[in-house]
Amino acid sequence: MKVFSKIIAIVICLSFLFSATSCVVFRPHDQGKHKGWFKNKHNPHNPNTNNPGKSSKKGKTKNY
């Protein structure tokens, strides 16, 4: 009976382990409908801009 209960405990532990880790999917919520400052190319915080904003630092330039 002890062997049977150990096997049951191991099966239950493995089922919890695999059910929690085997089917985890990450999908970002993005349908391409961005609005506001994110799409504004003149925004100094936009990564695709070369606008330095109001700071005294030199702006980013793209060297193509």
Protein backbone atom coordinates (compact mmCIF):
# COMPACT_ATOMS: atom_id res chain seq x y z
CA MET A 1 0.00 0.00 0.00
CA LYS A 2 2.91 2.36 0.71
CA VAL A 3 4.31 1.87 -2.79
CA PHE A 4 0.91 2.52 -4.33
CA SER A 5 0.44 5.75 -2.34
CA LYS A 6 3.94 6.93 -3.31
CA ILE A 7 3.19 6.29 -6.98
CA ILE A 8 -0.10 8.19 -6.70
CA ALA A 9 1.69 11.12 -4.98
CA ILE A 10 4.37 11.22 -7.70
CA VAL A 11 1.75 11.12 -10.46
CA ILE A 12 -0.21 13.96 -8.84
CA CYS A 13 2.95 16.06 -8.41
CA LEU A 14 4.00 15.46 -12.01
CA SER A 15 0.53 16.32 -13.29
CA PHE A 16 0.62 19.65 -11.43
CA LEU A 17 4.14 20.31 -12.70
CA PHE A 18 3.34 19.66 -16.36
CA SER A 19 -0.05 21.36 -16.29
CA ALA A 20 1.52 24.56 -14.96
CA THR A 21 4.49 24.71 -17.34
CA SER A 22 3.73 22.86 -20.54
CA CYS A 23 1.12 25.16 -22.04
CA VAL A 24 2.14 28.72 -21.22
CA VAL A 25 1.68 31.11 -24.14
CA PHE A 26 2.54 34.82 -24.14
CA ARG A 27 0.65 36.93 -26.67
CA PRO A 28 1.16 40.68 -26.58
CA HIS A 29 -2.03 42.69 -26.93
CA ASP A 30 -1.22 44.49 -30.16
CA GLN A 31 -3.54 44.95 -33.11
CA GLY A 32 -1.55 47.78 -34.68
CA LYS A 33 -4.02 50.49 -33.66
CA HIS A 34 -1.63 52.75 -31.80
CA LYS A 35 -2.77 56.27 -31.09
CA GLY A 36 -1.34 59.42 -29.61
CA TRP A 37 2.31 60.08 -28.80
CA PHE A 38 3.46 56.61 -29.79
CA LYS A 39 2.83 57.26 -33.50
CA ASN A 40 4.00 60.90 -33.44
CA LYS A 41 7.41 61.00 -35.16
CA HIS A 42 8.14 64.42 -33.59
CA ASN A 43 7.94 62.93 -30.09
CA PRO A 44 11.46 62.91 -28.56
CA HIS A 45 10.61 59.68 -26.67
CA ASN A 46 9.74 57.80 -29.85
CA PRO A 47 12.60 55.39 -30.66
CA ASN A 48 12.33 56.12 -34.41
CA THR A 49 12.90 59.87 -34.13
CA ASN A 50 15.94 62.11 -34.40
CA ASN A 51 14.22 64.97 -32.56
CA PRO A 52 16.29 65.90 -29.49
CA GLY A 53 13.41 67.70 -27.79
CA LYS A 54 14.16 70.61 -25.43
CA SER A 55 17.33 69.14 -23.94
CA SER A 56 20.80 70.48 -24.60
CA LYS A 57 22.09 67.02 -25.58
CA LYS A 58 22.87 66.21 -29.17
CA GLY A 59 20.02 64.44 -30.99
CA LYS A 60 20.14 60.93 -32.35
CA THR A 61 20.95 60.63 -36.02
CA LYS A 62 20.52 57.63 -38.24
CA ASN A 63 23.58 56.80 -40.31
CA TYR A 64 22.33 54.90 -43.34
